Amino acid sequence: MSDGLPVPVLMYHDIADDPDVVPAGHRPYVVSSDAFRAHLRLLAILGMGGARLDALLDPGEVTAGGRRSCVLTFDDGHESNFTRALPALLEAGCKATFFVTVGWIGQAPYMSWDQIKSLVAAGMEVGSHSMTHRPPSTLTRTELRAEMADSRKSLEDRIGLPVVTASSPTGFFNPEMIPVAREAGYRALCYGRIGIWKHQRDSFRIPRLPVKHRTTSLDLRALALGNRFVLARLRAQQLARNSLKATLGVDGYLRLRRRLLR
């Protein structure tokens, strides 16, 4: 991929038809099954094929099935990724990357090892979302190394394939994750910045586009096409949140967020 060909990297979490079954703090990230299928249809109309992240790490790889690629990613490893997202992806002929938190595997409501292996068998990519999902900004370099290296080894041991991509958990990024991920053997890292991935050579600072409960088809179209006004608005909101996080700290910000969501 040349630097002049941007690739949208969408970030999903849970797929659930009843948001009330999801903890209040996570409901903004829930997308319904119908909405997700509508998103996949929209991408097809736009001429974009849903792709795995690892498929775009080599120069020249910008298409999926003859179409321009839009990378689909899922964070955390919620069971709905297997029960709801996978069938929709297969029906649409799309691929995706699933970043799983290894320490949560097998604990409800997250996927089991057998479900993760089934994702791989279906042609999907599995990447790391750390070992414990602790905010990276609160961790030392040694702790970060354990989060990234241990999760990669666990995944590779169980699925029997190389794990080459990772995503940073929570919105509290630690720049030390970049060299740590390199040292741990990854080829790419998604971090918290909102934006379009424009520079394939910089595969350890891959920005993403969050898809949330309130994201409409029009919103998704604007995101996938890189609408500069929509991106500017989302970045401004993100900068405001980051400023609040820096002021309140991890615990203070999370307490405020919980009160606002209630």
C-alpha atoms as a PDB file:
ATOM      1  CA  MET A   1       0.000   0.000   0.000  1.00  0.00           C
ATOM      2  CA  SER A   2       1.386   3.380  -0.908  1.00  0.00           C
ATOM      3  CA  ASP A   3       1.134   6.296   1.483  1.00  0.00           C
ATOM      4  CA  GLY A   4      -1.378   7.930  -0.880  1.00  0.00           C
ATOM      5  CA  LEU A   5      -4.004   5.217  -0.482  1.00  0.00           C
ATOM      6  CA  PRO A   6      -5.743   5.569   2.906  1.00  0.00           C
ATOM      7  CA  VAL A   7      -7.456   2.587   4.485  1.00  0.00           C
ATOM      8  CA  PRO A   8     -10.305   2.940   7.005  1.00  0.00           C
ATOM      9  CA  VAL A   9      -9.908   0.637  10.009  1.00  0.00           C
ATOM     10  CA  LEU A  10     -13.263   0.251  11.770  1.00  0.00           C
ATOM     11  CA  MET A  11     -13.398  -0.616  15.469  1.00  0.00           C
ATOM     12  CA  TYR A  12     -16.324  -2.631  16.813  1.00  0.00           C
ATOM     13  CA  HIS A  13     -16.916  -4.234  20.197  1.00  0.00           C
ATOM     14  CA  ASP A  14     -20.120  -6.123  21.087  1.00  0.00           C
ATOM     15  CA  ILE A  15     -22.939  -7.126  18.745  1.00  0.00           C
ATOM     16  CA  ALA A  16     -26.130  -7.319  20.832  1.00  0.00           C
ATOM     17  CA  ASP A  17     -29.800  -6.784  20.074  1.00  0.00           C
ATOM     18  CA  ASP A  18     -30.645  -5.814  23.654  1.00  0.00           C
ATOM     19  CA  PRO A  19     -28.185  -3.240  25.047  1.00  0.00           C
ATOM     20  CA  ASP A  20     -29.628  -3.765  28.525  1.00  0.00           C
ATOM     21  CA  VAL A  21     -27.857  -7.127  28.770  1.00  0.00           C
ATOM     22  CA  VAL A  22     -24.532  -5.278  28.524  1.00  0.00           C
ATOM     23  CA  PRO A  23     -23.043  -3.396  31.516  1.00  0.00           C
ATOM     24  CA  ALA A  24     -23.975   0.285  31.442  1.00  0.00           C
ATOM     25  CA  GLY A  25     -20.395   1.418  30.912  1.00  0.00           C
ATOM     26  CA  HIS A  26     -20.124  -0.622  27.734  1.00  0.00           C
ATOM     27  CA  ARG A  27     -23.497   0.152  26.139  1.00  0.00           C
ATOM     28  CA  PRO A  28     -22.221   3.030  23.966  1.00  0.00           C
ATOM     29  CA  TYR A  29     -20.112   0.454  22.090  1.00  0.00           C
ATOM     30  CA  VAL A  30     -22.934  -2.025  21.393  1.00  0.00           C
ATOM     31  CA  VAL A  31     -24.114  -2.441  17.793  1.00  0.00           C
ATOM     32  CA  SER A  32     -27.211  -4.478  16.941  1.00  0.00           C
ATOM     33  CA  SER A  33     -27.104  -7.449  14.555  1.00  0.00           C
ATOM     34  CA  ASP A  34     -29.320  -5.629  12.051  1.00  0.00           C
ATOM     35  CA  ALA A  35     -27.147  -2.523  12.177  1.00  0.00           C
ATOM     36  CA  PHE A  36     -23.987  -4.564  11.689  1.00  0.00           C
ATOM     37  CA  ARG A  37     -25.421  -6.339   8.666  1.00  0.00           C
ATOM     38  CA  ALA A  38     -26.511  -2.961   7.284  1.00  0.00           C
ATOM     39  CA  HIS A  39     -22.942  -1.712   7.746  1.00  0.00           C
ATOM     40  CA  LEU A  40     -21.577  -4.639   5.743  1.00  0.00           C
ATOM     41  CA  ARG A  41     -24.090  -4.003   2.967  1.00  0.00           C
ATOM     42  CA  LEU A  42     -23.125  -0.337   2.911  1.00  0.00           C
ATOM     43  CA  LEU A  43     -19.436  -1.178   2.586  1.00  0.00           C
ATOM     44  CA  ALA A  44     -20.266  -3.429  -0.367  1.00  0.00           C
ATOM     45  CA  ILE A  45     -22.204  -0.591  -2.009  1.00  0.00           C
ATOM     46  CA  LEU A  46     -19.181   1.665  -1.505  1.00  0.00           C
ATOM     47  CA  GLY A  47     -17.025  -0.937  -3.225  1.00  0.00           C
ATOM     48  CA  MET A  48     -15.129  -1.787  -0.050  1.00  0.00           C
ATOM     49  CA  GLY A  49     -14.300  -5.341   0.926  1.00  0.00           C
ATOM     50  CA  GLY A  50     -14.062  -6.198   4.624  1.00  0.00           C
ATOM     51  CA  ALA A  51     -10.478  -7.296   5.318  1.00  0.00           C
ATOM     52  CA  ARG A  52      -8.184  -8.622   8.039  1.00  0.00           C
ATOM     53  CA  LEU A  53      -5.501  -6.261   9.280  1.00  0.00           C
ATOM     54  CA  ASP A  54      -2.635  -8.675   8.705  1.00  0.00           C
ATOM     55  CA  ALA A  55      -3.577  -8.950   5.011  1.00  0.00           C
ATOM     56  CA  LEU A  56      -2.648  -5.286   4.517  1.00  0.00           C
ATOM     57  CA  LEU A  57       0.751  -5.249   6.178  1.00  0.00           C
ATOM     58  CA  ASP A  58       2.678  -5.967   2.997  1.00  0.00           C
ATOM     59  CA  PRO A  59       3.255  -3.405   0.216  1.00  0.00           C
ATOM     60  CA  GLY A  60       0.655  -3.383  -2.522  1.00  0.00           C
ATOM     61  CA  GLU A  61      -2.092  -5.100  -0.554  1.00  0.00           C
ATOM     62  CA  VAL A  62      -4.999  -2.645  -0.712  1.00  0.00           C
ATOM     63  CA  THR A  63      -7.801  -4.746  -2.121  1.00  0.00           C
ATOM     64  CA  ALA A  64     -10.052  -7.514  -0.885  1.00  0.00           C
ATOM     65  CA  GLY A  65     -11.681  -9.621  -3.572  1.00  0.00           C
ATOM     66  CA  GLY A  66     -10.914  -6.952  -6.174  1.00  0.00           C
ATOM     67  CA  ARG A  67     -12.395  -4.173  -4.012  1.00  0.00           C
ATOM     68  CA  ARG A  68     -10.695  -1.484  -1.994  1.00  0.00           C
ATOM     69  CA  SER A  69     -10.201  -2.716   1.549  1.00  0.00           C
ATOM     70  CA  CYS A  70     -11.845  -1.556   4.739  1.00  0.00           C
ATOM     71  CA  VAL A  71     -10.336  -3.310   7.744  1.00  0.00           C
ATOM     72  CA  LEU A  72     -12.868  -4.623  10.263  1.00  0.00           C
ATOM     73  CA  THR A  73     -11.659  -5.054  13.836  1.00  0.00           C
ATOM     74  CA  PHE A  74     -13.311  -6.132  17.089  1.00  0.00           C
ATOM     75  CA  ASP A  75     -11.929  -5.448  20.569  1.00  0.00           C
ATOM     76  CA  ASP A  76     -12.178  -7.425  23.821  1.00  0.00           C
ATOM     77  CA  GLY A  77     -13.314 -10.851  22.565  1.00  0.00           C
ATOM     78  CA  HIS A  78     -16.986 -10.729  23.529  1.00  0.00           C
ATOM     79  CA  GLU A  79     -18.889 -13.953  22.781  1.00  0.00           C
ATOM     80  CA  SER A  80     -21.148 -12.053  20.391  1.00  0.00           C
ATOM     81  CA  ASN A  81     -18.145 -11.740  18.090  1.00  0.00           C
ATOM     82  CA  PHE A  82     -18.556 -15.468  17.449  1.00  0.00           C
ATOM     83  CA  THR A  83     -22.319 -15.919  17.759  1.00  0.00           C
ATOM     84  CA  ARG A  84     -23.447 -12.793  15.884  1.00  0.00           C
ATOM     85  CA  ALA A  85     -20.579 -11.088  14.047  1.00  0.00           C
ATOM     86  CA  LEU A  86     -19.048 -14.207  12.477  1.00  0.00           C
ATOM     87  CA  PRO A  87     -22.245 -15.417  10.715  1.00  0.00           C
ATOM     88  CA  ALA A  88     -22.844 -11.920   9.308  1.00  0.00           C
ATOM     89  CA  LEU A  89     -19.255 -11.677   8.080  1.00  0.00           C
ATOM     90  CA  LEU A  90     -19.435 -15.047   6.368  1.00  0.00           C
ATOM     91  CA  GLU A  91     -22.743 -14.171   4.702  1.00  0.00           C
ATOM     92  CA  ALA A  92     -21.227 -10.943   3.364  1.00  0.00           C
ATOM     93  CA  GLY A  93     -17.986 -12.608   2.275  1.00  0.00           C
ATOM     94  CA  CYS A  94     -15.944 -10.405   4.599  1.00  0.00           C
ATOM     95  CA  LYS A  95     -12.945 -11.050   6.812  1.00  0.00           C
ATOM     96  CA  ALA A  96     -12.061  -9.342  10.096  1.00  0.00           C
ATOM     97  CA  THR A  97      -9.491  -9.164  12.874  1.00  0.00           C
ATOM     98  CA  PHE A  98     -10.562 -10.036  16.421  1.00  0.00           C
ATOM     99  CA  PHE A  99      -8.401  -8.574  19.194  1.00  0.00           C
ATOM    100  CA  VAL A 100      -9.014 -10.694  22.290  1.00  0.00           C
ATOM    101  CA  THR A 101      -8.105 -10.066  25.912  1.00  0.00           C
ATOM    102  CA  VAL A 102      -6.429 -13.368  26.730  1.00  0.00           C
ATOM    103  CA  GLY A 103      -7.114 -13.323  30.462  1.00  0.00           C
ATOM    104  CA  TRP A 104     -10.849 -13.116  29.794  1.00  0.00           C
ATOM    105  CA  ILE A 105     -11.060 -16.112  27.466  1.00  0.00           C
ATOM    106  CA  GLY A 106     -13.525 -18.695  28.762  1.00  0.00           C
ATOM    107  CA  GLN A 107     -15.160 -16.298  31.229  1.00  0.00           C
ATOM    108  CA  ALA A 108     -18.707 -15.169  30.455  1.00  0.00           C
ATOM    109  CA  PRO A 109     -19.544 -13.119  28.445  1.00  0.00           C
ATOM    110  CA  TYR A 110     -16.326 -13.650  26.468  1.00  0.00           C
ATOM    111  CA  MET A 111     -15.389 -16.255  23.872  1.00  0.00           C
ATOM    112  CA  SER A 112     -14.022 -19.685  24.699  1.00  0.00           C
ATOM    113  CA  TRP A 113     -10.860 -21.113  23.186  1.00  0.00           C
ATOM    114  CA  ASP A 114     -12.964 -23.377  20.967  1.00  0.00           C
ATOM    115  CA  GLN A 115     -14.869 -20.362  19.630  1.00  0.00           C
ATOM    116  CA  ILE A 116     -11.623 -18.504  18.964  1.00  0.00           C
ATOM    117  CA  LYS A 117     -10.259 -21.525  17.093  1.00  0.00           C
ATOM    118  CA  SER A 118     -13.472 -21.587  15.058  1.00  0.00           C
ATOM    119  CA  LEU A 119     -12.909 -17.947  14.092  1.00  0.00           C
ATOM    120  CA  VAL A 120      -9.477 -18.886  12.802  1.00  0.00           C
ATOM    121  CA  ALA A 121     -10.861 -21.914  10.940  1.00  0.00           C
ATOM    122  CA  ALA A 122     -13.379 -19.591   9.272  1.00  0.00           C
ATOM    123  CA  GLY A 123     -10.564 -17.440   7.895  1.00  0.00           C
ATOM    124  CA  MET A 124     -10.568 -14.659  10.473  1.00  0.00           C
ATOM    125  CA  GLU A 125      -7.492 -13.182  12.137  1.00  0.00           C
ATOM    126  CA  VAL A 126      -6.972 -13.264  15.902  1.00  0.00           C
ATOM    127  CA  GLY A 127      -4.770 -10.613  17.488  1.00  0.00           C
ATOM    128  CA  SER A 128      -3.911  -9.547  21.030  1.00  0.00           C
ATOM    129  CA  HIS A 129      -5.790  -7.014  23.139  1.00  0.00           C
ATOM    130  CA  SER A 130      -3.335  -7.569  26.003  1.00  0.00           C
ATOM    131  CA  MET A 131      -3.450 -10.106  28.810  1.00  0.00           C
ATOM    132  CA  THR A 132      -5.593  -8.323  31.408  1.00  0.00           C
ATOM    133  CA  HIS A 133      -6.982  -5.144  29.749  1.00  0.00           C
ATOM    134  CA  ARG A 134      -5.381  -2.898  32.362  1.00  0.00           C
ATOM    135  CA  PRO A 135      -4.973   0.748  31.274  1.00  0.00           C
ATOM    136  CA  PRO A 136      -1.525   0.869  29.614  1.00  0.00           C
ATOM    137  CA  SER A 137      -0.819   4.354  30.986  1.00  0.00           C
ATOM    138  CA  THR A 138      -0.742   2.878  34.502  1.00  0.00           C
ATOM    139  CA  LEU A 139       1.810   0.162  33.653  1.00  0.00           C
ATOM    140  CA  THR A 140       5.590   0.081  33.741  1.00  0.00           C
ATOM    141  CA  ARG A 141       7.559  -1.071  30.702  1.00  0.00           C
ATOM    142  CA  THR A 142       8.108  -4.438  32.392  1.00  0.00           C
ATOM    143  CA  GLU A 143       4.373  -4.826  32.967  1.00  0.00           C
ATOM    144  CA  LEU A 144       3.621  -3.779  29.394  1.00  0.00           C
ATOM    145  CA  ARG A 145       6.095  -6.368  28.133  1.00  0.00           C
ATOM    146  CA  ALA A 146       4.320  -9.077  30.106  1.00  0.00           C
ATOM    147  CA  GLU A 147       0.918  -7.956  28.818  1.00  0.00           C
ATOM    148  CA  MET A 148       2.021  -8.068  25.191  1.00  0.00           C
ATOM    149  CA  ALA A 149       4.492 -10.957  25.119  1.00  0.00           C
ATOM    150  CA  ASP A 150       2.506 -13.311  27.363  1.00  0.00           C
ATOM    151  CA  SER A 151      -0.755 -12.735  25.490  1.00  0.00           C
ATOM    152  CA  ARG A 152       0.937 -13.365  22.139  1.00  0.00           C
ATOM    153  CA  LYS A 153       2.528 -16.596  23.323  1.00  0.00           C
ATOM    154  CA  SER A 154      -0.737 -17.859  24.832  1.00  0.00           C
ATOM    155  CA  LEU A 155      -2.636 -17.179  21.628  1.00  0.00           C
ATOM    156  CA  GLU A 156      -0.012 -18.754  19.404  1.00  0.00           C
ATOM    157  CA  ASP A 157       0.233 -21.838  21.612  1.00  0.00           C
ATOM    158  CA  ARG A 158      -3.532 -22.397  21.454  1.00  0.00           C
ATOM    159  CA  ILE A 159      -4.386 -21.504  17.853  1.00  0.00           C
ATOM    160  CA  GLY A 160      -1.175 -22.805  16.304  1.00  0.00           C
ATOM    161  CA  LEU A 161      -0.601 -19.755  14.094  1.00  0.00           C
ATOM    162  CA  PRO A 162       1.549 -16.605  14.312  1.00  0.00           C
ATOM    163  CA  VAL A 163      -0.088 -13.647  16.054  1.00  0.00           C
ATOM    164  CA  VAL A 164       1.242 -10.492  14.419  1.00  0.00           C
ATOM    165  CA  THR A 165      -1.207  -7.711  15.291  1.00  0.00           C
ATOM    166  CA  ALA A 166      -2.370  -6.089  18.526  1.00  0.00           C
ATOM    167  CA  SER A 167      -4.564  -3.260  19.756  1.00  0.00           C
ATOM    168  CA  SER A 168      -4.088  -1.094  22.826  1.00  0.00           C
ATOM    169  CA  PRO A 169      -6.814  -1.618  25.471  1.00  0.00           C
ATOM    170  CA  THR A 170      -8.811   1.218  27.070  1.00  0.00           C
ATOM    171  CA  GLY A 171      -8.414   4.829  26.035  1.00  0.00           C
ATOM    172  CA  PHE A 172      -5.330   5.329  28.218  1.00  0.00           C
ATOM    173  CA  PHE A 173      -2.463   4.818  25.784  1.00  0.00           C
ATOM    174  CA  ASN A 174       1.165   4.429  26.802  1.00  0.00           C
ATOM    175  CA  PRO A 175       3.705   5.340  24.069  1.00  0.00           C
ATOM    176  CA  GLU A 176       5.991   2.648  25.471  1.00  0.00           C
ATOM    177  CA  MET A 177       3.605   0.110  23.949  1.00  0.00           C
ATOM    178  CA  ILE A 178       5.078   0.796  20.524  1.00  0.00           C
ATOM    179  CA  PRO A 179       8.664  -0.370  21.204  1.00  0.00           C
ATOM    180  CA  VAL A 180       7.348  -3.112  23.499  1.00  0.00           C
ATOM    181  CA  ALA A 181       5.078  -4.464  20.750  1.00  0.00           C
ATOM    182  CA  ARG A 182       7.984  -4.456  18.307  1.00  0.00           C
ATOM    183  CA  GLU A 183      10.192  -6.316  20.747  1.00  0.00           C
ATOM    184  CA  ALA A 184       7.432  -8.858  21.434  1.00  0.00           C
ATOM    185  CA  GLY A 185       7.343  -9.800  17.748  1.00  0.00           C
ATOM    186  CA  TYR A 186       4.228  -8.016  16.516  1.00  0.00           C
ATOM    187  CA  ARG A 187       4.090  -6.417  13.085  1.00  0.00           C
ATOM    188  CA  ALA A 188       1.332  -3.898  13.797  1.00  0.00           C
ATOM    189  CA  LEU A 189      -0.343  -2.049  16.668  1.00  0.00           C
ATOM    190  CA  CYS A 190      -3.666  -0.193  16.672  1.00  0.00           C
ATOM    191  CA  TYR A 191      -3.712   2.661  19.154  1.00  0.00           C
ATOM    192  CA  GLY A 192      -6.361   5.048  20.382  1.00  0.00           C
ATOM    193  CA  ARG A 193      -6.172   7.862  17.857  1.00  0.00           C
ATOM    194  CA  ILE A 194      -9.211   8.431  15.649  1.00  0.00           C
ATOM    195  CA  GLY A 195      -8.364   8.704  11.977  1.00  0.00           C
ATOM    196  CA  ILE A 196      -7.738   6.990   8.632  1.00  0.00           C
ATOM    197  CA  TRP A 197      -4.663   4.808   8.231  1.00  0.00           C
ATOM    198  CA  LYS A 198      -2.614   6.597   5.568  1.00  0.00           C
ATOM    199  CA  HIS A 199       0.927   5.362   6.025  1.00  0.00           C
ATOM    200  CA  GLN A 200       1.441   1.611   5.861  1.00  0.00           C
ATOM    201  CA  ARG A 201       5.096   1.991   6.777  1.00  0.00           C
ATOM    202  CA  ASP A 202       3.941   3.254  10.172  1.00  0.00           C
ATOM    203  CA  SER A 203       2.180   0.042  11.179  1.00  0.00           C
ATOM    204  CA  PHE A 204       2.656   0.605  14.915  1.00  0.00           C
ATOM    205  CA  ARG A 205       0.499   3.739  15.034  1.00  0.00           C
ATOM    206  CA  ILE A 206      -2.599   2.568  13.229  1.00  0.00           C
ATOM    207  CA  PRO A 207      -5.569   4.873  13.933  1.00  0.00           C
ATOM    208  CA  ARG A 208      -9.111   3.525  13.894  1.00  0.00           C
ATOM    209  CA  LEU A 209     -12.680   4.683  13.453  1.00  0.00           C
ATOM    210  CA  PRO A 210     -14.969   3.782  16.376  1.00  0.00           C
ATOM    211  CA  VAL A 211     -18.360   2.342  15.457  1.00  0.00           C
ATOM    212  CA  LYS A 212     -20.828   2.759  18.308  1.00  0.00           C
ATOM    213  CA  HIS A 213     -24.463   2.231  19.192  1.00  0.00           C
ATOM    214  CA  ARG A 214     -25.383   5.680  17.897  1.00  0.00           C
ATOM    215  CA  THR A 215     -23.418   5.361  14.628  1.00  0.00           C
ATOM    216  CA  THR A 216     -25.892   5.625  11.749  1.00  0.00           C
ATOM    217  CA  SER A 217     -25.358   4.353   8.210  1.00  0.00           C
ATOM    218  CA  LEU A 218     -24.743   7.942   7.130  1.00  0.00           C
ATOM    219  CA  ASP A 219     -22.137   8.301   9.869  1.00  0.00           C
ATOM    220  CA  LEU A 220     -20.453   5.075   8.801  1.00  0.00           C
ATOM    221  CA  ARG A 221     -20.404   6.167   5.167  1.00  0.00           C
ATOM    222  CA  ALA A 222     -18.692   9.410   6.167  1.00  0.00           C
ATOM    223  CA  LEU A 223     -16.155   7.528   8.285  1.00  0.00           C
ATOM    224  CA  ALA A 224     -15.348   4.934   5.641  1.00  0.00           C
ATOM    225  CA  LEU A 225     -14.892   7.628   2.986  1.00  0.00           C
ATOM    226  CA  GLY A 226     -12.733   9.729   5.296  1.00  0.00           C
ATOM    227  CA  ASN A 227     -15.007  12.770   5.459  1.00  0.00           C
ATOM    228  CA  ARG A 228     -12.690  15.422   6.846  1.00  0.00           C
ATOM    229  CA  PHE A 229     -15.422  17.364   8.662  1.00  0.00           C
ATOM    230  CA  VAL A 230     -16.704  14.280  10.504  1.00  0.00           C
ATOM    231  CA  LEU A 231     -13.158  13.201  11.354  1.00  0.00           C
ATOM    232  CA  ALA A 232     -12.310  16.692  12.607  1.00  0.00           C
ATOM    233  CA  ARG A 233     -15.370  16.672  14.886  1.00  0.00           C
ATOM    234  CA  LEU A 234     -14.513  13.248  16.292  1.00  0.00           C
ATOM    235  CA  ARG A 235     -10.879  14.224  16.852  1.00  0.00           C
ATOM    236  CA  ALA A 236     -11.932  17.392  18.669  1.00  0.00           C
ATOM    237  CA  GLN A 237     -14.147  15.319  20.955  1.00  0.00           C
ATOM    238  CA  GLN A 238     -11.300  12.897  21.527  1.00  0.00           C
ATOM    239  CA  LEU A 239      -8.883  15.696  22.390  1.00  0.00           C
ATOM    240  CA  ALA A 240     -11.366  17.028  24.929  1.00  0.00           C
ATOM    241  CA  ARG A 241     -11.673  13.568  26.510  1.00  0.00           C
ATOM    242  CA  ASN A 242      -7.903  13.159  26.575  1.00  0.00           C
ATOM    243  CA  SER A 243      -7.526  16.504  28.299  1.00  0.00           C
ATOM    244  CA  LEU A 244     -10.060  15.427  30.914  1.00  0.00           C
ATOM    245  CA  LYS A 245      -8.253  12.129  31.392  1.00  0.00           C
ATOM    246  CA  ALA A 246      -4.958  13.933  31.933  1.00  0.00           C
ATOM    247  CA  THR A 247      -6.593  16.200  34.497  1.00  0.00           C
ATOM    248  CA  LEU A 248      -8.606  13.588  36.425  1.00  0.00           C
ATOM    249  CA  GLY A 249      -6.350  10.559  36.029  1.00  0.00           C
ATOM    250  CA  VAL A 250      -7.569   7.052  35.243  1.00  0.00           C
ATOM    251  CA  ASP A 251      -9.683   6.491  38.365  1.00  0.00           C
ATOM    252  CA  GLY A 252     -11.181   9.976  38.403  1.00  0.00           C
ATOM    253  CA  TYR A 253     -12.113   9.886  34.735  1.00  0.00           C
ATOM    254  CA  LEU A 254     -13.694   6.432  35.002  1.00  0.00           C
ATOM    255  CA  ARG A 255     -15.740   7.503  38.034  1.00  0.00           C
ATOM    256  CA  LEU A 256     -17.025  10.563  36.168  1.00  0.00           C
ATOM    257  CA  ARG A 257     -17.829   8.465  33.098  1.00  0.00           C
ATOM    258  CA  ARG A 258     -19.803   5.954  35.161  1.00  0.00           C
ATOM    259  CA  ARG A 259     -21.866   8.741  36.746  1.00  0.00           C
ATOM    260  CA  LEU A 260     -22.598  10.317  33.370  1.00  0.00           C
ATOM    261  CA  LEU A 261     -23.635   7.006  31.814  1.00  0.00           C
ATOM    262  CA  ARG A 262     -26.037   6.311  34.678  1.00  0.00           C
END
